[in-house]
Protein backbone atom coordinates (compact mmCIF):
# COMPACT_ATOMS: atom_id res chain seq x y z
CA UNK A 1 0.00 0.00 0.00
CA UNK A 2 1.36 3.43 -0.92
CA UNK A 3 1.63 6.04 1.79
CA UNK A 4 0.40 9.54 1.22
CA UNK A 5 3.54 11.74 0.93
CA UNK A 6 1.88 14.33 3.16
CA UNK A 7 1.62 11.77 5.97
CA UNK A 8 5.24 10.74 5.54
CA UNK A 9 6.40 14.34 5.85
CA UNK A 10 4.02 14.99 8.74
CA UNK A 11 5.38 11.98 10.64
CA UNK A 12 8.95 12.97 9.84
CA UNK A 13 8.33 16.46 11.23
CA UNK A 14 6.99 14.98 14.48
CA UNK A 15 10.10 12.89 15.05
CA UNK A 16 12.15 14.16 17.97
CA UNK A 17 15.42 13.66 16.08
CA UNK A 18 14.14 15.72 13.17
CA UNK A 19 13.15 18.50 15.52
CA UNK A 20 16.57 18.35 17.23
CA UNK A 21 18.33 18.47 13.87
CA UNK A 22 16.30 21.49 12.77
CA UNK A 23 17.06 23.22 16.06
CA UNK A 24 20.80 22.64 15.68
CA UNK A 25 20.75 23.78 12.08
CA UNK A 26 18.93 26.95 13.04
CA UNK A 27 21.30 27.55 15.95
CA UNK A 28 24.33 27.44 13.65
CA UNK A 29 22.84 29.19 10.61
CA UNK A 30 20.29 31.66 11.94
CA UNK A 31 21.63 34.51 14.08
CA UNK A 32 18.06 35.43 15.11
CA UNK A 33 17.17 31.92 16.27
CA UNK A 34 15.24 31.99 19.56
CA UNK A 35 16.38 28.87 21.35
CA UNK A 36 14.20 29.35 24.44
CA UNK A 37 11.06 29.44 22.28
CA UNK A 38 12.31 26.41 20.37
CA UNK A 39 12.72 24.36 23.57
CA UNK A 40 8.92 24.22 23.95
CA UNK A 41 8.62 22.75 20.45
CA UNK A 42 11.38 20.27 21.19
CA UNK A 43 9.65 19.12 24.41
CA UNK A 44 6.36 18.68 22.54
CA UNK A 45 8.06 16.43 20.00
CA UNK A 46 8.93 14.04 22.82
CA UNK A 47 5.31 13.94 23.92
CA UNK A 48 4.29 12.63 20.50
CA UNK A 49 6.17 9.42 21.20
CA UNK A 50 4.03 8.75 24.26
CA UNK A 51 0.90 9.54 22.27
CA UNK A 52 1.86 6.99 19.63
CA UNK A 53 2.27 4.33 22.31
CA UNK A 54 -1.06 5.26 23.92
CA UNK A 55 -2.88 5.02 20.60
CA UNK A 56 -1.32 1.60 19.98
CA UNK A 57 -2.36 0.49 23.47
CA UNK A 58 -5.94 1.60 22.92
CA UNK A 59 -6.12 -0.53 19.78
CA UNK A 60 -4.57 -3.50 21.53
CA UNK A 61 -6.91 -3.09 24.50
CA UNK A 62 -9.89 -3.31 22.17
CA UNK A 63 -8.51 -6.55 20.73
CA UNK A 64 -7.85 -7.98 24.19
CA UNK A 65 -11.41 -7.13 25.23
CA UNK A 66 -12.70 -9.04 22.19
CA UNK A 67 -10.64 -12.03 23.36
CA UNK A 68 -12.45 -11.85 26.72
CA UNK A 69 -9.43 -11.12 28.89
CA UNK A 70 -10.04 -9.71 32.36
CA UNK A 71 -9.17 -6.12 33.21
CA UNK A 72 -6.22 -7.31 35.32
CA UNK A 73 -4.83 -9.52 32.54
CA UNK A 74 -5.25 -6.72 29.99
CA UNK A 75 -3.42 -4.29 32.30
CA UNK A 76 -0.49 -6.68 32.65
CA UNK A 77 -0.23 -7.26 28.90
CA UNK A 78 -0.69 -3.58 28.00
CA UNK A 79 1.96 -2.52 30.51
CA UNK A 80 4.41 -4.97 28.98
CA UNK A 81 3.56 -3.72 25.46
CA UNK A 82 4.03 -0.09 26.49
CA UNK A 83 7.47 -0.80 27.96
CA UNK A 84 8.52 -2.75 24.85
CA UNK A 85 7.31 -0.02 22.48
CA UNK A 86 9.05 2.77 24.39
CA UNK A 87 12.28 0.76 24.48
CA UNK A 88 12.12 0.23 20.71
CA UNK A 89 11.48 3.94 20.12
CA UNK A 90 14.36 4.92 22.41
CA UNK A 91 16.74 2.45 20.74
CA UNK A 92 15.71 3.78 17.34
CA UNK A 93 16.47 7.35 18.44
CA UNK A 94 19.88 6.31 19.78
CA UNK A 95 20.79 4.56 16.52
CA UNK A 96 19.73 7.60 14.48
CA UNK A 97 21.82 9.91 16.65
CA UNK A 98 24.87 7.63 16.37
CA UNK A 99 24.63 7.34 12.60
CA UNK A 100 23.81 10.97 11.94
PDB file of N, CA and C in Angstrom:
ATOM      1  N   UNK A   1       0.839  -1.170   0.000  1.00  0.00           N
ATOM      2  CA  UNK A   1       0.000   0.000   0.000  1.00  0.00           C
ATOM      3  C   UNK A   1       0.899   1.254   0.000  1.00  0.00           C
ATOM      4  N   UNK A   2       0.602   2.194  -0.861  1.00  0.00           N
ATOM      5  CA  UNK A   2       1.362   3.430  -0.925  1.00  0.00           C
ATOM      6  C   UNK A   2       0.936   4.371   0.181  1.00  0.00           C
ATOM      7  N   UNK A   3       1.931   5.049   0.755  1.00  0.00           N
ATOM      8  CA  UNK A   3       1.628   6.041   1.786  1.00  0.00           C
ATOM      9  C   UNK A   3       1.486   7.406   1.142  1.00  0.00           C
ATOM     10  N   UNK A   4       0.578   8.175   1.666  1.00  0.00           N
ATOM     11  CA  UNK A   4       0.402   9.537   1.216  1.00  0.00           C
ATOM     12  C   UNK A   4       1.658  10.333   1.590  1.00  0.00           C
ATOM     13  N   UNK A   5       2.317  10.999   0.616  1.00  0.00           N
ATOM     14  CA  UNK A   5       3.537  11.743   0.930  1.00  0.00           C
ATOM     15  C   UNK A   5       3.332  12.784   2.036  1.00  0.00           C
ATOM     16  N   UNK A   6       2.149  13.352   2.096  1.00  0.00           N
ATOM     17  CA  UNK A   6       1.877  14.326   3.155  1.00  0.00           C
ATOM     18  C   UNK A   6       1.990  13.715   4.539  1.00  0.00           C
ATOM     19  N   UNK A   7       1.522  12.456   4.676  1.00  0.00           N
ATOM     20  CA  UNK A   7       1.620  11.769   5.968  1.00  0.00           C
ATOM     21  C   UNK A   7       3.071  11.449   6.310  1.00  0.00           C
ATOM     22  N   UNK A   8       3.836  11.058   5.306  1.00  0.00           N
ATOM     23  CA  UNK A   8       5.243  10.736   5.539  1.00  0.00           C
ATOM     24  C   UNK A   8       5.972  11.979   6.063  1.00  0.00           C
ATOM     25  N   UNK A   9       5.753  13.102   5.421  1.00  0.00           N
ATOM     26  CA  UNK A   9       6.399  14.344   5.848  1.00  0.00           C
ATOM     27  C   UNK A   9       5.891  14.763   7.224  1.00  0.00           C
ATOM     28  N   UNK A  10       4.594  14.631   7.447  1.00  0.00           N
ATOM     29  CA  UNK A  10       4.018  14.989   8.737  1.00  0.00           C
ATOM     30  C   UNK A  10       4.645  14.140   9.852  1.00  0.00           C
ATOM     31  N   UNK A  11       4.766  12.851   9.632  1.00  0.00           N
ATOM     32  CA  UNK A  11       5.376  11.979  10.641  1.00  0.00           C
ATOM     33  C   UNK A  11       6.846  12.310  10.845  1.00  0.00           C
ATOM     34  N   UNK A  12       7.547  12.603   9.753  1.00  0.00           N
ATOM     35  CA  UNK A  12       8.953  12.966   9.844  1.00  0.00           C
ATOM     36  C   UNK A  12       9.117  14.235  10.680  1.00  0.00           C
ATOM     37  N   UNK A  13       8.228  15.195  10.494  1.00  0.00           N
ATOM     38  CA  UNK A  13       8.325  16.459  11.230  1.00  0.00           C
ATOM     39  C   UNK A  13       7.997  16.296  12.713  1.00  0.00           C
ATOM     40  N   UNK A  14       7.316  15.232  13.079  1.00  0.00           N
ATOM     41  CA  UNK A  14       6.989  14.976  14.485  1.00  0.00           C
ATOM     42  C   UNK A  14       8.113  14.255  15.209  1.00  0.00           C
ATOM     43  N   UNK A  15       9.028  13.678  14.460  1.00  0.00           N
ATOM     44  CA  UNK A  15      10.100  12.893  15.050  1.00  0.00           C
ATOM     45  C   UNK A  15      11.018  13.795  15.876  1.00  0.00           C
ATOM     46  N   UNK A  16      11.319  13.358  17.074  1.00  0.00           N
ATOM     47  CA  UNK A  16      12.148  14.162  17.971  1.00  0.00           C
ATOM     48  C   UNK A  16      13.524  14.446  17.377  1.00  0.00           C
ATOM     49  N   UNK A  17      14.102  13.452  16.690  1.00  0.00           N
ATOM     50  CA  UNK A  17      15.421  13.658  16.084  1.00  0.00           C
ATOM     51  C   UNK A  17      15.368  14.698  14.979  1.00  0.00           C
ATOM     52  N   UNK A  18      14.296  14.705  14.215  1.00  0.00           N
ATOM     53  CA  UNK A  18      14.139  15.716  13.171  1.00  0.00           C
ATOM     54  C   UNK A  18      14.067  17.103  13.793  1.00  0.00           C
ATOM     55  N   UNK A  19      13.297  17.207  14.847  1.00  0.00           N
ATOM     56  CA  UNK A  19      13.154  18.501  15.521  1.00  0.00           C
ATOM     57  C   UNK A  19      14.498  18.941  16.095  1.00  0.00           C
ATOM     58  N   UNK A  20      15.237  18.011  16.696  1.00  0.00           N
ATOM     59  CA  UNK A  20      16.575  18.353  17.228  1.00  0.00           C
ATOM     60  C   UNK A  20      17.500  18.831  16.112  1.00  0.00           C
ATOM     61  N   UNK A  21      17.484  18.093  14.993  1.00  0.00           N
ATOM     62  CA  UNK A  21      18.333  18.473  13.869  1.00  0.00           C
ATOM     63  C   UNK A  21      18.001  19.883  13.393  1.00  0.00           C
ATOM     64  N   UNK A  22      16.707  20.165  13.231  1.00  0.00           N
ATOM     65  CA  UNK A  22      16.302  21.493  12.766  1.00  0.00           C
ATOM     66  C   UNK A  22      16.730  22.573  13.757  1.00  0.00           C
ATOM     67  N   UNK A  23      16.633  22.261  15.043  1.00  0.00           N
ATOM     68  CA  UNK A  23      17.064  23.221  16.062  1.00  0.00           C
ATOM     69  C   UNK A  23      18.557  23.497  15.984  1.00  0.00           C
ATOM     70  N   UNK A  24      19.346  22.443  15.809  1.00  0.00           N
ATOM     71  CA  UNK A  24      20.797  22.636  15.684  1.00  0.00           C
ATOM     72  C   UNK A  24      21.147  23.418  14.420  1.00  0.00           C
ATOM     73  N   UNK A  25      20.485  23.074  13.328  1.00  0.00           N
ATOM     74  CA  UNK A  25      20.752  23.775  12.076  1.00  0.00           C
ATOM     75  C   UNK A  25      20.453  25.270  12.238  1.00  0.00           C
ATOM     76  N   UNK A  26      19.297  25.558  12.821  1.00  0.00           N
ATOM     77  CA  UNK A  26      18.926  26.955  13.042  1.00  0.00           C
ATOM     78  C   UNK A  26      19.919  27.653  13.969  1.00  0.00           C
ATOM     79  N   UNK A  27      20.347  26.963  14.996  1.00  0.00           N
ATOM     80  CA  UNK A  27      21.302  27.546  15.948  1.00  0.00           C
ATOM     81  C   UNK A  27      22.589  27.985  15.243  1.00  0.00           C
ATOM     82  N   UNK A  28      23.076  27.135  14.332  1.00  0.00           N
ATOM     83  CA  UNK A  28      24.332  27.440  13.649  1.00  0.00           C
ATOM     84  C   UNK A  28      24.179  28.384  12.460  1.00  0.00           C
ATOM     85  N   UNK A  29      22.995  28.436  11.851  1.00  0.00           N
ATOM     86  CA  UNK A  29      22.841  29.193  10.614  1.00  0.00           C
ATOM     87  C   UNK A  29      21.914  30.398  10.701  1.00  0.00           C
ATOM     88  N   UNK A  30      21.239  30.562  11.810  1.00  0.00           N
ATOM     89  CA  UNK A  30      20.288  31.658  11.942  1.00  0.00           C
ATOM     90  C   UNK A  30      20.645  32.501  13.164  1.00  0.00           C
ATOM     91  N   UNK A  31      21.223  33.673  12.944  1.00  0.00           N
ATOM     92  CA  UNK A  31      21.632  34.506  14.082  1.00  0.00           C
ATOM     93  C   UNK A  31      20.446  34.994  14.925  1.00  0.00           C
ATOM     94  N   UNK A  32      19.241  34.973  14.372  1.00  0.00           N
ATOM     95  CA  UNK A  32      18.059  35.428  15.106  1.00  0.00           C
ATOM     96  C   UNK A  32      17.279  34.272  15.746  1.00  0.00           C
ATOM     97  N   UNK A  33      17.859  33.091  15.730  1.00  0.00           N
ATOM     98  CA  UNK A  33      17.172  31.917  16.274  1.00  0.00           C
ATOM     99  C   UNK A  33      16.897  32.106  17.766  1.00  0.00           C
ATOM    100  N   UNK A  34      15.665  31.835  18.158  1.00  0.00           N
ATOM    101  CA  UNK A  34      15.240  31.993  19.556  1.00  0.00           C
ATOM    102  C   UNK A  34      15.166  30.608  20.207  1.00  0.00           C
ATOM    103  N   UNK A  35      16.274  30.223  20.812  1.00  0.00           N
ATOM    104  CA  UNK A  35      16.379  28.873  21.346  1.00  0.00           C
ATOM    105  C   UNK A  35      15.371  28.603  22.457  1.00  0.00           C
ATOM    106  N   UNK A  36      15.135  29.563  23.332  1.00  0.00           N
ATOM    107  CA  UNK A  36      14.197  29.347  24.437  1.00  0.00           C
ATOM    108  C   UNK A  36      12.792  29.045  23.919  1.00  0.00           C
ATOM    109  N   UNK A  37      12.372  29.718  22.870  1.00  0.00           N
ATOM    110  CA  UNK A  37      11.065  29.436  22.276  1.00  0.00           C
ATOM    111  C   UNK A  37      11.063  28.056  21.617  1.00  0.00           C
ATOM    112  N   UNK A  38      12.191  27.700  21.040  1.00  0.00           N
ATOM    113  CA  UNK A  38      12.307  26.410  20.366  1.00  0.00           C
ATOM    114  C   UNK A  38      12.237  25.245  21.352  1.00  0.00           C
ATOM    115  N   UNK A  39      12.729  25.435  22.571  1.00  0.00           N
ATOM    116  CA  UNK A  39      12.720  24.361  23.565  1.00  0.00           C
ATOM    117  C   UNK A  39      11.310  23.808  23.795  1.00  0.00           C
ATOM    118  N   UNK A  40      10.305  24.679  23.766  1.00  0.00           N
ATOM    119  CA  UNK A  40       8.919  24.222  23.955  1.00  0.00           C
ATOM    120  C   UNK A  40       8.515  23.281  22.817  1.00  0.00           C
ATOM    121  N   UNK A  41       8.916  23.601  21.606  1.00  0.00           N
ATOM    122  CA  UNK A  41       8.616  22.751  20.454  1.00  0.00           C
ATOM    123  C   UNK A  41       9.340  21.419  20.591  1.00  0.00           C
ATOM    124  N   UNK A  42      10.585  21.479  21.029  1.00  0.00           N
ATOM    125  CA  UNK A  42      11.378  20.267  21.190  1.00  0.00           C
ATOM    126  C   UNK A  42      10.761  19.347  22.257  1.00  0.00           C
ATOM    127  N   UNK A  43      10.310  19.917  23.357  1.00  0.00           N
ATOM    128  CA  UNK A  43       9.652  19.118  24.406  1.00  0.00           C
ATOM    129  C   UNK A  43       8.379  18.467  23.876  1.00  0.00           C
ATOM    130  N   UNK A  44       7.617  19.204  23.090  1.00  0.00           N
ATOM    131  CA  UNK A  44       6.362  18.681  22.541  1.00  0.00           C
ATOM    132  C   UNK A  44       6.621  17.503  21.606  1.00  0.00           C
ATOM    133  N   UNK A  45       7.723  17.537  20.891  1.00  0.00           N
ATOM    134  CA  UNK A  45       8.063  16.429  19.996  1.00  0.00           C
ATOM    135  C   UNK A  45       8.246  15.142  20.780  1.00  0.00           C
ATOM    136  N   UNK A  46       8.777  15.223  21.976  1.00  0.00           N
ATOM    137  CA  UNK A  46       8.926  14.044  22.819  1.00  0.00           C
ATOM    138  C   UNK A  46       7.595  13.503  23.280  1.00  0.00           C
ATOM    139  N   UNK A  47       6.635  14.352  23.472  1.00  0.00           N
ATOM    140  CA  UNK A  47       5.314  13.938  23.923  1.00  0.00           C
ATOM    141  C   UNK A  47       4.634  13.100  22.847  1.00  0.00           C
ATOM    142  N   UNK A  48       4.904  13.383  21.591  1.00  0.00           N
ATOM    143  CA  UNK A  48       4.285  12.629  20.495  1.00  0.00           C
ATOM    144  C   UNK A  48       4.596  11.137  20.591  1.00  0.00           C
ATOM    145  N   UNK A  49       5.780  10.818  21.047  1.00  0.00           N
ATOM    146  CA  UNK A  49       6.170   9.418  21.204  1.00  0.00           C
ATOM    147  C   UNK A  49       5.219   8.713  22.163  1.00  0.00           C
ATOM    148  N   UNK A  50       4.933   9.347  23.289  1.00  0.00           N
ATOM    149  CA  UNK A  50       4.026   8.747  24.264  1.00  0.00           C
ATOM    150  C   UNK A  50       2.611   8.632  23.689  1.00  0.00           C
ATOM    151  N   UNK A  51       2.223   9.602  22.886  1.00  0.00           N
ATOM    152  CA  UNK A  51       0.898   9.536  22.266  1.00  0.00           C
ATOM    153  C   UNK A  51       0.794   8.362  21.294  1.00  0.00           C
ATOM    154  N   UNK A  52       1.845   8.119  20.556  1.00  0.00           N
ATOM    155  CA  UNK A  52       1.865   6.988  19.629  1.00  0.00           C
ATOM    156  C   UNK A  52       1.671   5.690  20.401  1.00  0.00           C
ATOM    157  N   UNK A  53       2.387   5.545  21.504  1.00  0.00           N
ATOM    158  CA  UNK A  53       2.267   4.330  22.312  1.00  0.00           C
ATOM    159  C   UNK A  53       0.854   4.211  22.875  1.00  0.00           C
ATOM    160  N   UNK A  54       0.299   5.312  23.370  1.00  0.00           N
ATOM    161  CA  UNK A  54      -1.057   5.264  23.923  1.00  0.00           C
ATOM    162  C   UNK A  54      -2.091   4.852  22.879  1.00  0.00           C
ATOM    163  N   UNK A  55      -1.949   5.377  21.682  1.00  0.00           N
ATOM    164  CA  UNK A  55      -2.880   5.016  20.602  1.00  0.00           C
ATOM    165  C   UNK A  55      -2.759   3.525  20.290  1.00  0.00           C
ATOM    166  N   UNK A  56      -1.523   3.036  20.221  1.00  0.00           N
ATOM    167  CA  UNK A  56      -1.322   1.600  19.983  1.00  0.00           C
ATOM    168  C   UNK A  56      -1.955   0.773  21.096  1.00  0.00           C
ATOM    169  N   UNK A  57      -1.808   1.228  22.337  1.00  0.00           N
ATOM    170  CA  UNK A  57      -2.357   0.488  23.469  1.00  0.00           C
ATOM    171  C   UNK A  57      -3.883   0.476  23.439  1.00  0.00           C
ATOM    172  N   UNK A  58      -4.476   1.570  23.026  1.00  0.00           N
ATOM    173  CA  UNK A  58      -5.936   1.596  22.918  1.00  0.00           C
ATOM    174  C   UNK A  58      -6.422   0.555  21.919  1.00  0.00           C
ATOM    175  N   UNK A  59      -5.748   0.457  20.794  1.00  0.00           N
ATOM    176  CA  UNK A  59      -6.120  -0.533  19.779  1.00  0.00           C
ATOM    177  C   UNK A  59      -5.938  -1.951  20.312  1.00  0.00           C
ATOM    178  N   UNK A  60      -4.826  -2.177  20.976  1.00  0.00           N
ATOM    179  CA  UNK A  60      -4.566  -3.501  21.531  1.00  0.00           C
ATOM    180  C   UNK A  60      -5.560  -3.843  22.631  1.00  0.00           C
ATOM    181  N   UNK A  61      -5.930  -2.861  23.444  1.00  0.00           N
ATOM    182  CA  UNK A  61      -6.909  -3.092  24.505  1.00  0.00           C
ATOM    183  C   UNK A  61      -8.238  -3.547  23.906  1.00  0.00           C
ATOM    184  N   UNK A  62      -8.641  -2.921  22.825  1.00  0.00           N
ATOM    185  CA  UNK A  62      -9.891  -3.315  22.167  1.00  0.00           C
ATOM    186  C   UNK A  62      -9.815  -4.772  21.709  1.00  0.00           C
ATOM    187  N   UNK A  63      -8.675  -5.169  21.174  1.00  0.00           N
ATOM    188  CA  UNK A  63      -8.506  -6.553  20.729  1.00  0.00           C
ATOM    189  C   UNK A  63      -8.520  -7.516  21.920  1.00  0.00           C
ATOM    190  N   UNK A  64      -7.882  -7.119  23.002  1.00  0.00           N
ATOM    191  CA  UNK A  64      -7.851  -7.982  24.190  1.00  0.00           C
ATOM    192  C   UNK A  64      -9.239  -8.123  24.814  1.00  0.00           C
ATOM    193  N   UNK A  65     -10.028  -7.063  24.746  1.00  0.00           N
ATOM    194  CA  UNK A  65     -11.406  -7.130  25.233  1.00  0.00           C
ATOM    195  C   UNK A  65     -12.188  -8.138  24.402  1.00  0.00           C
ATOM    196  N   UNK A  66     -12.004  -8.098  23.079  1.00  0.00           N
ATOM    197  CA  UNK A  66     -12.695  -9.043  22.186  1.00  0.00           C
ATOM    198  C   UNK A  66     -12.326 -10.487  22.521  1.00  0.00           C
ATOM    199  N   UNK A  67     -11.087 -10.681  22.996  1.00  0.00           N
ATOM    200  CA  UNK A  67     -10.638 -12.029  23.362  1.00  0.00           C
ATOM    201  C   UNK A  67     -11.181 -12.459  24.725  1.00  0.00           C
ATOM    202  N   UNK A  68     -11.833 -11.524  25.440  1.00  0.00           N
ATOM    203  CA  UNK A  68     -12.446 -11.855  26.725  1.00  0.00           C
ATOM    204  C   UNK A  68     -11.501 -11.832  27.913  1.00  0.00           C
ATOM    205  N   UNK A  69     -10.368 -11.178  27.777  1.00  0.00           N
ATOM    206  CA  UNK A  69      -9.430 -11.116  28.894  1.00  0.00           C
ATOM    207  C   UNK A  69      -9.958 -10.199  29.996  1.00  0.00           C
ATOM    208  N   UNK A  70      -9.618 -10.523  31.222  1.00  0.00           N
ATOM    209  CA  UNK A  70     -10.042  -9.708  32.364  1.00  0.00           C
ATOM    210  C   UNK A  70      -9.291  -8.381  32.352  1.00  0.00           C
ATOM    211  N   UNK A  71      -9.811  -7.435  33.111  1.00  0.00           N
ATOM    212  CA  UNK A  71      -9.167  -6.122  33.205  1.00  0.00           C
ATOM    213  C   UNK A  71      -7.732  -6.262  33.741  1.00  0.00           C
ATOM    214  N   UNK A  72      -7.553  -7.114  34.736  1.00  0.00           N
ATOM    215  CA  UNK A  72      -6.216  -7.310  35.320  1.00  0.00           C
ATOM    216  C   UNK A  72      -5.245  -7.897  34.298  1.00  0.00           C
ATOM    217  N   UNK A  73      -5.694  -8.902  33.555  1.00  0.00           N
ATOM    218  CA  UNK A  73      -4.830  -9.520  32.544  1.00  0.00           C
ATOM    219  C   UNK A  73      -4.510  -8.529  31.428  1.00  0.00           C
ATOM    220  N   UNK A  74      -5.494  -7.749  31.029  1.00  0.00           N
ATOM    221  CA  UNK A  74      -5.251  -6.722  29.994  1.00  0.00           C
ATOM    222  C   UNK A  74      -4.233  -5.708  30.496  1.00  0.00           C
ATOM    223  N   UNK A  75      -4.349  -5.284  31.742  1.00  0.00           N
ATOM    224  CA  UNK A  75      -3.421  -4.290  32.302  1.00  0.00           C
ATOM    225  C   UNK A  75      -1.990  -4.823  32.287  1.00  0.00           C
ATOM    226  N   UNK A  76      -1.828  -6.082  32.646  1.00  0.00           N
ATOM    227  CA  UNK A  76      -0.487  -6.684  32.648  1.00  0.00           C
ATOM    228  C   UNK A  76       0.083  -6.710  31.232  1.00  0.00           C
ATOM    229  N   UNK A  77      -0.708  -7.169  30.287  1.00  0.00           N
ATOM    230  CA  UNK A  77      -0.232  -7.256  28.897  1.00  0.00           C
ATOM    231  C   UNK A  77       0.033  -5.870  28.296  1.00  0.00           C
ATOM    232  N   UNK A  78      -0.861  -4.918  28.556  1.00  0.00           N
ATOM    233  CA  UNK A  78      -0.689  -3.577  28.002  1.00  0.00           C
ATOM    234  C   UNK A  78       0.529  -2.882  28.597  1.00  0.00           C
ATOM    235  N   UNK A  79       0.777  -3.101  29.877  1.00  0.00           N
ATOM    236  CA  UNK A  79       1.959  -2.518  30.512  1.00  0.00           C
ATOM    237  C   UNK A  79       3.228  -3.055  29.857  1.00  0.00           C
ATOM    238  N   UNK A  80       3.257  -4.356  29.641  1.00  0.00           N
ATOM    239  CA  UNK A  80       4.411  -4.970  28.977  1.00  0.00           C
ATOM    240  C   UNK A  80       4.594  -4.403  27.567  1.00  0.00           C
ATOM    241  N   UNK A  81       3.495  -4.276  26.823  1.00  0.00           N
ATOM    242  CA  UNK A  81       3.564  -3.720  25.464  1.00  0.00           C
ATOM    243  C   UNK A  81       4.079  -2.280  25.472  1.00  0.00           C
ATOM    244  N   UNK A  82       3.608  -1.489  26.410  1.00  0.00           N
ATOM    245  CA  UNK A  82       4.033  -0.089  26.494  1.00  0.00           C
ATOM    246  C   UNK A  82       5.534   0.000  26.739  1.00  0.00           C
ATOM    247  N   UNK A  83       6.028  -0.802  27.661  1.00  0.00           N
ATOM    248  CA  UNK A  83       7.466  -0.804  27.958  1.00  0.00           C
ATOM    249  C   UNK A  83       8.255  -1.211  26.727  1.00  0.00           C
ATOM    250  N   UNK A  84       7.816  -2.278  26.050  1.00  0.00           N
ATOM    251  CA  UNK A  84       8.519  -2.747  24.854  1.00  0.00           C
ATOM    252  C   UNK A  84       8.530  -1.687  23.755  1.00  0.00           C
ATOM    253  N   UNK A  85       7.389  -1.037  23.531  1.00  0.00           N
ATOM    254  CA  UNK A  85       7.307  -0.022  22.478  1.00  0.00           C
ATOM    255  C   UNK A  85       8.197   1.175  22.782  1.00  0.00           C
ATOM    256  N   UNK A  86       8.200   1.625  24.028  1.00  0.00           N
ATOM    257  CA  UNK A  86       9.050   2.768  24.389  1.00  0.00           C
ATOM    258  C   UNK A  86      10.525   2.409  24.273  1.00  0.00           C
ATOM    259  N   UNK A  87      10.891   1.190  24.639  1.00  0.00           N
ATOM    260  CA  UNK A  87      12.277   0.760  24.479  1.00  0.00           C
ATOM    261  C   UNK A  87      12.685   0.759  23.007  1.00  0.00           C
ATOM    262  N   UNK A  88      11.822   0.249  22.142  1.00  0.00           N
ATOM    263  CA  UNK A  88      12.115   0.231  20.708  1.00  0.00           C
ATOM    264  C   UNK A  88      12.281   1.659  20.180  1.00  0.00           C
ATOM    265  N   UNK A  89      11.387   2.555  20.570  1.00  0.00           N
ATOM    266  CA  UNK A  89      11.483   3.942  20.117  1.00  0.00           C
ATOM    267  C   UNK A  89      12.763   4.597  20.621  1.00  0.00           C
ATOM    268  N   UNK A  90      13.131   4.350  21.866  1.00  0.00           N
ATOM    269  CA  UNK A  90      14.363   4.922  22.412  1.00  0.00           C
ATOM    270  C   UNK A  90      15.596   4.371  21.703  1.00  0.00           C
ATOM    271  N   UNK A  91      15.614   3.057  21.457  1.00  0.00           N
ATOM    272  CA  UNK A  91      16.743   2.454  20.741  1.00  0.00           C
ATOM    273  C   UNK A  91      16.847   3.013  19.331  1.00  0.00           C
ATOM    274  N   UNK A  92      15.727   3.222  18.690  1.00  0.00           N
ATOM    275  CA  UNK A  92      15.713   3.785  17.342  1.00  0.00           C
ATOM    276  C   UNK A  92      16.306   5.187  17.346  1.00  0.00           C
ATOM    277  N   UNK A  93      15.926   5.993  18.330  1.00  0.00           N
ATOM    278  CA  UNK A  93      16.473   7.351  18.439  1.00  0.00           C
ATOM    279  C   UNK A  93      17.983   7.311  18.653  1.00  0.00           C
ATOM    280  N   UNK A  94      18.442   6.413  19.516  1.00  0.00           N
ATOM    281  CA  UNK A  94      19.884   6.312  19.781  1.00  0.00           C
ATOM    282  C   UNK A  94      20.653   5.930  18.530  1.00  0.00           C
ATOM    283  N   UNK A  95      20.112   4.966  17.750  1.00  0.00           N
ATOM    284  CA  UNK A  95      20.792   4.562  16.516  1.00  0.00           C
ATOM    285  C   UNK A  95      20.851   5.712  15.519  1.00  0.00           C
ATOM    286  N   UNK A  96      19.768   6.472  15.418  1.00  0.00           N
ATOM    287  CA  UNK A  96      19.727   7.599  14.481  1.00  0.00           C
ATOM    288  C   UNK A  96      20.743   8.657  14.885  1.00  0.00           C
ATOM    289  N   UNK A  97      20.866   8.907  16.182  1.00  0.00           N
ATOM    290  CA  UNK A  97      21.819   9.910  16.648  1.00  0.00           C
ATOM    291  C   UNK A  97      23.251   9.453  16.403  1.00  0.00           C
ATOM    292  N   UNK A  98      23.523   8.169  16.571  1.00  0.00           N
ATOM    293  CA  UNK A  98      24.869   7.635  16.365  1.00  0.00           C
ATOM    294  C   UNK A  98      25.285   7.657  14.901  1.00  0.00           C
ATOM    295  N   UNK A  99      24.318   7.445  14.021  1.00  0.00           N
ATOM    296  CA  UNK A  99      24.633   7.345  12.596  1.00  0.00           C
ATOM    297  C   UNK A  99      24.351   8.620  11.834  1.00  0.00           C
ATOM    298  N   UNK A 100      24.049   9.668  12.559  1.00  0.00           N
ATOM    299  CA  UNK A 100      23.814  10.974  11.936  1.00  0.00           C
ATOM    300  C   UNK A 100      22.476  11.053  11.374  1.00  0.00           C
TER     301      UNK A 100
END
